Amino acid sequence: MAVQKFKLELKSAKMVTPSIRHMAFTRTDGQPLDYKPGQFISFLFDVDGKVKRRSFSVATIPGQTDEIEIAISYVKGGLASEALFNLESGQTLDAMGPAGRLVLQDDPAERILLTGTGTGIAPYRCMLPQIAEKLAANPKLEFKIILGVQYRKDALYAEDFRSFAAQHERLEFRVCYSREDLSQDKANDEYSGYVQDQFDNLAMNPDNDIVYLCGNPNMIDDSFTKLTDIGFAMKQVRREKYISPN
């Protein structure tokens, strides 16, 4: 799949958490973006005559819209944050893509864990129709989607995952809060702690499990260490780190 350069026009935008903006674009040339769920696009910014790239996973649920959706968290003074949070409908930005290898493959796994923190959950939202196809094709396959955030208010796309899980019995969604107090009010899919803490009670099995990691670099490094320590090979742990746009 060739990486292309194009202009994207903002069609709509809304705040979906106190610090994350969901944005929907279309290509100005009218062409579709030929991407695989899990891939990302990069916006191109001219800074003192030099082009700087900032990349964001495609968050679109295929079949629901032809627009190119992303989620961006605000970083004060960040190059991408300031540009994208101030972008208005009808305005355009230079972009390129798609790229990235965090895509679902035809593995002989019995269980696939899709683990993400913050906006690192976005590529898994894009994978939902593909996950449904895989579940229908393999009655032994299970998926777990694990989201990690600080507080309940930060749980990006949680309702999309909850709705999907309610329709697919072999998919479980969990959301982990590193700072939320769950002592008084806790849903069945809510947990305290970090996403990598979940590995301890999921009976991880290197013979049958594949793990995808996307988001905070510290989470990815810690998760990778935990998994390899219990016997996971590098090819069984697929990673994509999110660096804060600046």
C-alpha atoms as a PDB file:
ATOM      1  CA  MET A   1       0.000   0.000   0.000  1.00  0.00           C
ATOM      2  CA  ALA A   2       1.680   3.184  -1.208  1.00  0.00           C
ATOM      3  CA  VAL A   3       1.989   6.187   1.083  1.00  0.00           C
ATOM      4  CA  GLN A   4       0.356   9.205  -0.556  1.00  0.00           C
ATOM      5  CA  LYS A   5       0.337  12.931   0.108  1.00  0.00           C
ATOM      6  CA  PHE A   6      -2.976  14.787   0.090  1.00  0.00           C
ATOM      7  CA  LYS A   7      -4.937  17.600   1.708  1.00  0.00           C
ATOM      8  CA  LEU A   8      -7.523  16.916   4.383  1.00  0.00           C
ATOM      9  CA  GLU A   9     -10.511  19.170   5.008  1.00  0.00           C
ATOM     10  CA  LEU A  10     -12.051  19.255   8.460  1.00  0.00           C
ATOM     11  CA  LYS A  11     -15.738  18.352   8.308  1.00  0.00           C
ATOM     12  CA  SER A  12     -16.576  18.263  12.021  1.00  0.00           C
ATOM     13  CA  ALA A  13     -14.986  18.153  15.464  1.00  0.00           C
ATOM     14  CA  LYS A  14     -16.139  17.696  19.042  1.00  0.00           C
ATOM     15  CA  MET A  15     -14.661  17.220  22.487  1.00  0.00           C
ATOM     16  CA  VAL A  16     -15.245  13.616  23.584  1.00  0.00           C
ATOM     17  CA  THR A  17     -13.366  13.873  26.898  1.00  0.00           C
ATOM     18  CA  PRO A  18     -12.219  16.996  28.763  1.00  0.00           C
ATOM     19  CA  SER A  19      -8.896  16.907  26.892  1.00  0.00           C
ATOM     20  CA  ILE A  20      -9.495  14.892  23.697  1.00  0.00           C
ATOM     21  CA  ARG A  21     -10.926  16.187  20.447  1.00  0.00           C
ATOM     22  CA  HIS A  22     -12.522  13.799  17.950  1.00  0.00           C
ATOM     23  CA  MET A  23     -12.073  15.093  14.407  1.00  0.00           C
ATOM     24  CA  ALA A  24     -13.501  13.970  11.058  1.00  0.00           C
ATOM     25  CA  PHE A  25     -11.845  14.811   7.728  1.00  0.00           C
ATOM     26  CA  THR A  26     -12.257  14.136   4.022  1.00  0.00           C
ATOM     27  CA  ARG A  27      -9.658  14.299   1.284  1.00  0.00           C
ATOM     28  CA  THR A  28     -10.042  17.425  -0.861  1.00  0.00           C
ATOM     29  CA  ASP A  29      -9.353  15.377  -3.991  1.00  0.00           C
ATOM     30  CA  GLY A  30     -12.433  13.258  -3.278  1.00  0.00           C
ATOM     31  CA  GLN A  31     -10.433  10.041  -3.129  1.00  0.00           C
ATOM     32  CA  PRO A  32     -10.902   7.493  -0.327  1.00  0.00           C
ATOM     33  CA  LEU A  33      -8.074   6.732   2.076  1.00  0.00           C
ATOM     34  CA  ASP A  34      -7.040   3.155   1.307  1.00  0.00           C
ATOM     35  CA  TYR A  35      -5.975   2.095   4.795  1.00  0.00           C
ATOM     36  CA  LYS A  36      -5.957  -1.021   6.936  1.00  0.00           C
ATOM     37  CA  PRO A  37      -7.552  -0.753  10.393  1.00  0.00           C
ATOM     38  CA  GLY A  38      -4.768  -0.028  12.846  1.00  0.00           C
ATOM     39  CA  GLN A  39      -2.778   2.241  10.525  1.00  0.00           C
ATOM     40  CA  PHE A  40      -2.155   5.958  10.980  1.00  0.00           C
ATOM     41  CA  ILE A  41      -1.971   9.169   8.979  1.00  0.00           C
ATOM     42  CA  SER A  42       0.544  11.978   9.442  1.00  0.00           C
ATOM     43  CA  PHE A  43      -0.109  15.704   9.296  1.00  0.00           C
ATOM     44  CA  LEU A  44       2.652  17.816   7.764  1.00  0.00           C
ATOM     45  CA  PHE A  45       3.606  21.140   9.334  1.00  0.00           C
ATOM     46  CA  ASP A  46       6.026  23.710   7.942  1.00  0.00           C
ATOM     47  CA  VAL A  47       8.238  24.964  10.766  1.00  0.00           C
ATOM     48  CA  ASP A  48      10.878  27.460   9.665  1.00  0.00           C
ATOM     49  CA  GLY A  49      11.105  25.847   6.259  1.00  0.00           C
ATOM     50  CA  LYS A  50      11.322  22.316   7.620  1.00  0.00           C
ATOM     51  CA  VAL A  51       8.489  19.798   7.417  1.00  0.00           C
ATOM     52  CA  LYS A  52       7.555  18.131  10.691  1.00  0.00           C
ATOM     53  CA  ARG A  53       5.200  15.165  10.919  1.00  0.00           C
ATOM     54  CA  ARG A  54       2.700  14.333  13.632  1.00  0.00           C
ATOM     55  CA  SER A  55       0.944  10.978  13.362  1.00  0.00           C
ATOM     56  CA  PHE A  56      -2.510   9.826  14.506  1.00  0.00           C
ATOM     57  CA  SER A  57      -4.223   6.461  14.226  1.00  0.00           C
ATOM     58  CA  VAL A  58      -7.330   6.278  12.086  1.00  0.00           C
ATOM     59  CA  ALA A  59     -10.239   5.897  14.527  1.00  0.00           C
ATOM     60  CA  THR A  60     -13.039   5.500  11.952  1.00  0.00           C
ATOM     61  CA  ILE A  61     -15.384   2.547  12.336  1.00  0.00           C
ATOM     62  CA  PRO A  62     -15.504   1.297   8.713  1.00  0.00           C
ATOM     63  CA  GLY A  63     -19.017   1.036   7.365  1.00  0.00           C
ATOM     64  CA  GLN A  64     -20.350   3.839   9.541  1.00  0.00           C
ATOM     65  CA  THR A  65     -18.773   6.727   7.635  1.00  0.00           C
ATOM     66  CA  ASP A  66     -16.371   7.425   4.766  1.00  0.00           C
ATOM     67  CA  GLU A  67     -14.713  10.208   6.751  1.00  0.00           C
ATOM     68  CA  ILE A  68     -11.234   9.910   8.219  1.00  0.00           C
ATOM     69  CA  GLU A  69     -11.587  10.196  11.982  1.00  0.00           C
ATOM     70  CA  ILE A  70      -8.837  10.736  14.545  1.00  0.00           C
ATOM     71  CA  ALA A  71      -8.577  11.514  18.255  1.00  0.00           C
ATOM     72  CA  ILE A  72      -6.058  14.032  19.577  1.00  0.00           C
ATOM     73  CA  SER A  73      -5.269  14.888  23.165  1.00  0.00           C
ATOM     74  CA  TYR A  74      -4.311  18.461  23.983  1.00  0.00           C
ATOM     75  CA  VAL A  75      -0.704  19.254  24.873  1.00  0.00           C
ATOM     76  CA  LYS A  76      -0.178  22.916  25.729  1.00  0.00           C
ATOM     77  CA  GLY A  77       2.152  24.501  23.206  1.00  0.00           C
ATOM     78  CA  GLY A  78       2.277  21.328  21.131  1.00  0.00           C
ATOM     79  CA  LEU A  79       2.695  21.827  17.400  1.00  0.00           C
ATOM     80  CA  ALA A  80      -0.117  19.473  16.416  1.00  0.00           C
ATOM     81  CA  SER A  81      -2.293  20.336  19.410  1.00  0.00           C
ATOM     82  CA  GLU A  82      -2.340  24.055  18.704  1.00  0.00           C
ATOM     83  CA  ALA A  83      -2.999  23.521  14.994  1.00  0.00           C
ATOM     84  CA  LEU A  84      -5.675  20.858  15.293  1.00  0.00           C
ATOM     85  CA  PHE A  85      -7.513  22.242  18.315  1.00  0.00           C
ATOM     86  CA  ASN A  86      -7.822  25.603  16.548  1.00  0.00           C
ATOM     87  CA  LEU A  87      -8.743  24.162  13.156  1.00  0.00           C
ATOM     88  CA  GLU A  88     -12.269  25.056  12.019  1.00  0.00           C
ATOM     89  CA  SER A  89     -14.642  23.271   9.664  1.00  0.00           C
ATOM     90  CA  GLY A  90     -13.699  23.830   6.036  1.00  0.00           C
ATOM     91  CA  GLN A  91     -10.032  24.479   6.739  1.00  0.00           C
ATOM     92  CA  THR A  92      -7.395  22.139   5.353  1.00  0.00           C
ATOM     93  CA  LEU A  93      -4.072  20.606   6.335  1.00  0.00           C
ATOM     94  CA  ASP A  94      -1.423  18.711   4.383  1.00  0.00           C
ATOM     95  CA  ALA A  95      -1.213  15.034   5.269  1.00  0.00           C
ATOM     96  CA  MET A  96       0.215  11.731   4.129  1.00  0.00           C
ATOM     97  CA  GLY A  97      -0.437   8.053   4.680  1.00  0.00           C
ATOM     98  CA  PRO A  98      -1.520   5.524   5.498  1.00  0.00           C
ATOM     99  CA  ALA A  99       1.350   3.833   7.325  1.00  0.00           C
ATOM    100  CA  GLY A 100       1.929   1.548  10.279  1.00  0.00           C
ATOM    101  CA  ARG A 101       1.995  -2.177  10.978  1.00  0.00           C
ATOM    102  CA  LEU A 102      -0.282  -2.433  14.030  1.00  0.00           C
ATOM    103  CA  VAL A 103      -2.858  -4.379  12.027  1.00  0.00           C
ATOM    104  CA  LEU A 104      -4.698  -7.597  12.766  1.00  0.00           C
ATOM    105  CA  GLN A 105      -3.095 -10.592  11.136  1.00  0.00           C
ATOM    106  CA  ASP A 106      -4.257 -14.142  10.475  1.00  0.00           C
ATOM    107  CA  ASP A 107      -2.606 -15.692  13.500  1.00  0.00           C
ATOM    108  CA  PRO A 108      -3.331 -19.153  14.906  1.00  0.00           C
ATOM    109  CA  ALA A 109      -4.086 -17.521  18.260  1.00  0.00           C
ATOM    110  CA  GLU A 110      -6.972 -18.492  20.501  1.00  0.00           C
ATOM    111  CA  ARG A 111      -7.021 -15.137  22.296  1.00  0.00           C
ATOM    112  CA  ILE A 112      -6.028 -11.650  21.164  1.00  0.00           C
ATOM    113  CA  LEU A 113      -5.530  -8.804  23.643  1.00  0.00           C
ATOM    114  CA  LEU A 114      -5.806  -5.260  22.303  1.00  0.00           C
ATOM    115  CA  THR A 115      -4.304  -3.009  24.960  1.00  0.00           C
ATOM    116  CA  GLY A 116      -4.146   0.783  24.773  1.00  0.00           C
ATOM    117  CA  THR A 117      -3.795   3.891  26.907  1.00  0.00           C
ATOM    118  CA  GLY A 118      -5.434   7.255  26.162  1.00  0.00           C
ATOM    119  CA  THR A 119      -5.736   7.890  22.432  1.00  0.00           C
ATOM    120  CA  GLY A 120      -3.810   4.655  21.910  1.00  0.00           C
ATOM    121  CA  ILE A 121      -7.210   2.937  21.984  1.00  0.00           C
ATOM    122  CA  ALA A 122      -8.205   4.618  18.689  1.00  0.00           C
ATOM    123  CA  PRO A 123      -6.825   1.964  16.284  1.00  0.00           C
ATOM    124  CA  TYR A 124      -8.875  -0.731  18.036  1.00  0.00           C
ATOM    125  CA  ARG A 125     -12.075   1.253  17.430  1.00  0.00           C
ATOM    126  CA  CYS A 126     -11.206   1.128  13.746  1.00  0.00           C
ATOM    127  CA  MET A 127     -10.792  -2.664  13.981  1.00  0.00           C
ATOM    128  CA  LEU A 128     -14.280  -3.427  15.337  1.00  0.00           C
ATOM    129  CA  PRO A 129     -15.874  -4.660  12.072  1.00  0.00           C
ATOM    130  CA  GLN A 130     -12.775  -6.759  11.369  1.00  0.00           C
ATOM    131  CA  ILE A 131     -12.944  -8.225  14.872  1.00  0.00           C
ATOM    132  CA  ALA A 132     -16.583  -9.168  14.280  1.00  0.00           C
ATOM    133  CA  GLU A 133     -15.587 -10.999  11.088  1.00  0.00           C
ATOM    134  CA  LYS A 134     -12.829 -12.921  12.857  1.00  0.00           C
ATOM    135  CA  LEU A 135     -15.124 -13.926  15.705  1.00  0.00           C
ATOM    136  CA  ALA A 136     -17.719 -15.171  13.246  1.00  0.00           C
ATOM    137  CA  ALA A 137     -15.132 -17.147  11.290  1.00  0.00           C
ATOM    138  CA  ASN A 138     -13.476 -18.804  14.302  1.00  0.00           C
ATOM    139  CA  PRO A 139     -15.746 -20.050  17.133  1.00  0.00           C
ATOM    140  CA  LYS A 140     -12.713 -20.665  19.381  1.00  0.00           C
ATOM    141  CA  LEU A 141     -11.265 -17.156  19.108  1.00  0.00           C
ATOM    142  CA  GLU A 142     -11.600 -14.622  21.936  1.00  0.00           C
ATOM    143  CA  PHE A 143     -10.752 -10.913  22.094  1.00  0.00           C
ATOM    144  CA  LYS A 144     -10.096  -8.657  25.055  1.00  0.00           C
ATOM    145  CA  ILE A 145      -9.893  -4.882  24.644  1.00  0.00           C
ATOM    146  CA  ILE A 146      -8.222  -3.163  27.599  1.00  0.00           C
ATOM    147  CA  LEU A 147      -8.221   0.625  27.928  1.00  0.00           C
ATOM    148  CA  GLY A 148      -6.108   2.485  30.458  1.00  0.00           C
ATOM    149  CA  VAL A 149      -6.787   6.076  31.591  1.00  0.00           C
ATOM    150  CA  GLN A 150      -6.487   8.103  34.777  1.00  0.00           C
ATOM    151  CA  TYR A 151     -10.157   8.875  35.440  1.00  0.00           C
ATOM    152  CA  ARG A 152     -13.571   7.698  34.240  1.00  0.00           C
ATOM    153  CA  LYS A 153     -14.064  11.006  32.390  1.00  0.00           C
ATOM    154  CA  ASP A 154     -11.001  10.170  30.256  1.00  0.00           C
ATOM    155  CA  ALA A 155     -12.314   6.832  28.950  1.00  0.00           C
ATOM    156  CA  LEU A 156     -12.139   7.527  25.214  1.00  0.00           C
ATOM    157  CA  TYR A 157     -14.652   5.596  23.051  1.00  0.00           C
ATOM    158  CA  ALA A 158     -15.644   3.424  26.030  1.00  0.00           C
ATOM    159  CA  GLU A 159     -19.297   3.348  25.013  1.00  0.00           C
ATOM    160  CA  ASP A 160     -18.408   2.153  21.504  1.00  0.00           C
ATOM    161  CA  PHE A 161     -16.505  -0.765  22.996  1.00  0.00           C
ATOM    162  CA  ARG A 162     -19.208  -1.512  25.567  1.00  0.00           C
ATOM    163  CA  SER A 163     -21.873  -1.592  22.862  1.00  0.00           C
ATOM    164  CA  PHE A 164     -19.740  -3.890  20.729  1.00  0.00           C
ATOM    165  CA  ALA A 165     -18.971  -6.209  23.647  1.00  0.00           C
ATOM    166  CA  ALA A 166     -22.679  -6.499  24.433  1.00  0.00           C
ATOM    167  CA  GLN A 167     -23.234  -7.853  20.917  1.00  0.00           C
ATOM    168  CA  HIS A 168     -20.290 -10.293  20.865  1.00  0.00           C
ATOM    169  CA  GLU A 169     -20.050 -12.810  23.692  1.00  0.00           C
ATOM    170  CA  ARG A 170     -16.423 -13.752  23.002  1.00  0.00           C
ATOM    171  CA  LEU A 171     -15.205 -10.180  23.299  1.00  0.00           C
ATOM    172  CA  GLU A 172     -14.609  -8.565  26.672  1.00  0.00           C
ATOM    173  CA  PHE A 173     -13.935  -4.871  27.269  1.00  0.00           C
ATOM    174  CA  ARG A 174     -12.098  -3.670  30.374  1.00  0.00           C
ATOM    175  CA  VAL A 175     -11.228  -0.135  31.407  1.00  0.00           C
ATOM    176  CA  CYS A 176      -8.514   0.490  33.997  1.00  0.00           C
ATOM    177  CA  TYR A 177      -8.242   3.693  36.031  1.00  0.00           C
ATOM    178  CA  SER A 178      -4.932   4.658  37.577  1.00  0.00           C
ATOM    179  CA  ARG A 179      -6.470   7.420  39.760  1.00  0.00           C
ATOM    180  CA  GLU A 180     -10.259   6.957  39.887  1.00  0.00           C
ATOM    181  CA  ASP A 181     -11.715   5.896  43.243  1.00  0.00           C
ATOM    182  CA  LEU A 182     -13.893   2.848  42.570  1.00  0.00           C
ATOM    183  CA  SER A 183     -14.661   2.042  46.201  1.00  0.00           C
ATOM    184  CA  GLN A 184     -18.204   3.463  46.034  1.00  0.00           C
ATOM    185  CA  ASP A 185     -19.310   2.961  42.435  1.00  0.00           C
ATOM    186  CA  LYS A 186     -17.864   0.318  40.118  1.00  0.00           C
ATOM    187  CA  ALA A 187     -19.175  -1.223  36.895  1.00  0.00           C
ATOM    188  CA  ASN A 188     -18.370  -4.833  36.008  1.00  0.00           C
ATOM    189  CA  ASP A 189     -15.873  -3.794  33.336  1.00  0.00           C
ATOM    190  CA  GLU A 190     -14.015  -1.274  35.525  1.00  0.00           C
ATOM    191  CA  TYR A 191     -10.738  -1.963  37.317  1.00  0.00           C
ATOM    192  CA  SER A 192      -8.255  -0.024  39.422  1.00  0.00           C
ATOM    193  CA  GLY A 193      -4.630   0.197  38.363  1.00  0.00           C
ATOM    194  CA  TYR A 194      -2.712   0.074  35.120  1.00  0.00           C
ATOM    195  CA  VAL A 195      -3.563  -1.980  32.037  1.00  0.00           C
ATOM    196  CA  GLN A 196      -0.460  -4.134  32.434  1.00  0.00           C
ATOM    197  CA  ASP A 197      -1.708  -5.159  35.888  1.00  0.00           C
ATOM    198  CA  GLN A 198      -4.456  -7.094  34.109  1.00  0.00           C
ATOM    199  CA  PHE A 199      -1.945  -9.587  32.752  1.00  0.00           C
ATOM    200  CA  ASP A 200      -1.578 -11.029  36.253  1.00  0.00           C
ATOM    201  CA  ASN A 201      -5.191 -12.233  36.413  1.00  0.00           C
ATOM    202  CA  LEU A 202      -5.779 -13.184  32.794  1.00  0.00           C
ATOM    203  CA  ALA A 203      -3.760 -16.427  32.858  1.00  0.00           C
ATOM    204  CA  MET A 204      -1.595 -15.254  29.981  1.00  0.00           C
ATOM    205  CA  ASN A 205      -0.459 -18.113  27.754  1.00  0.00           C
ATOM    206  CA  PRO A 206       2.390 -17.648  25.248  1.00  0.00           C
ATOM    207  CA  ASP A 207       1.161 -20.707  23.343  1.00  0.00           C
ATOM    208  CA  ASN A 208      -2.276 -19.252  22.573  1.00  0.00           C
ATOM    209  CA  ASP A 209      -2.218 -15.454  23.094  1.00  0.00           C
ATOM    210  CA  ILE A 210      -1.219 -12.502  20.922  1.00  0.00           C
ATOM    211  CA  VAL A 211      -0.941  -9.054  22.512  1.00  0.00           C
ATOM    212  CA  TYR A 212      -1.187  -5.657  20.807  1.00  0.00           C
ATOM    213  CA  LEU A 213       0.096  -2.589  22.685  1.00  0.00           C
ATOM    214  CA  CYS A 214      -0.527   1.024  21.718  1.00  0.00           C
ATOM    215  CA  GLY A 215      -0.135   4.253  23.638  1.00  0.00           C
ATOM    216  CA  ASN A 216       2.100   5.459  26.432  1.00  0.00           C
ATOM    217  CA  PRO A 217       5.733   4.352  25.923  1.00  0.00           C
ATOM    218  CA  ASN A 218       6.150   3.487  29.613  1.00  0.00           C
ATOM    219  CA  MET A 219       3.123   1.191  29.511  1.00  0.00           C
ATOM    220  CA  ILE A 220       4.420  -0.500  26.384  1.00  0.00           C
ATOM    221  CA  ASP A 221       7.901  -1.047  27.800  1.00  0.00           C
ATOM    222  CA  ASP A 222       6.552  -2.353  31.109  1.00  0.00           C
ATOM    223  CA  SER A 223       4.044  -4.618  29.358  1.00  0.00           C
ATOM    224  CA  PHE A 224       6.665  -5.963  26.976  1.00  0.00           C
ATOM    225  CA  THR A 225       8.980  -6.799  29.874  1.00  0.00           C
ATOM    226  CA  LYS A 226       6.191  -8.550  31.791  1.00  0.00           C
ATOM    227  CA  LEU A 227       5.143 -10.585  28.776  1.00  0.00           C
ATOM    228  CA  THR A 228       8.593 -11.628  27.647  1.00  0.00           C
ATOM    229  CA  ASP A 229       9.454 -12.591  31.233  1.00  0.00           C
ATOM    230  CA  ILE A 230       6.671 -15.187  31.141  1.00  0.00           C
ATOM    231  CA  GLY A 231       7.683 -16.597  27.788  1.00  0.00           C
ATOM    232  CA  PHE A 232       6.158 -14.426  25.063  1.00  0.00           C
ATOM    233  CA  ALA A 233       8.269 -14.132  21.921  1.00  0.00           C
ATOM    234  CA  MET A 234       8.780 -10.729  20.298  1.00  0.00           C
ATOM    235  CA  LYS A 235       6.517 -11.667  17.372  1.00  0.00           C
ATOM    236  CA  GLN A 236       3.650 -12.297  19.808  1.00  0.00           C
ATOM    237  CA  VAL A 237       3.760  -8.739  21.195  1.00  0.00           C
ATOM    238  CA  ARG A 238       2.980  -6.046  18.618  1.00  0.00           C
ATOM    239  CA  ARG A 239       3.757  -2.482  19.645  1.00  0.00           C
ATOM    240  CA  GLU A 240       3.167   1.107  18.605  1.00  0.00           C
ATOM    241  CA  LYS A 241       4.270   3.894  20.934  1.00  0.00           C
ATOM    242  CA  TYR A 242       2.476   7.240  21.129  1.00  0.00           C
ATOM    243  CA  ILE A 243       4.703  10.239  21.669  1.00  0.00           C
ATOM    244  CA  SER A 244       2.955  13.410  22.841  1.00  0.00           C
ATOM    245  CA  PRO A 245       2.611  15.874  19.909  1.00  0.00           C
ATOM    246  CA  ASN A 246       4.914  18.840  20.440  1.00  0.00           C
END
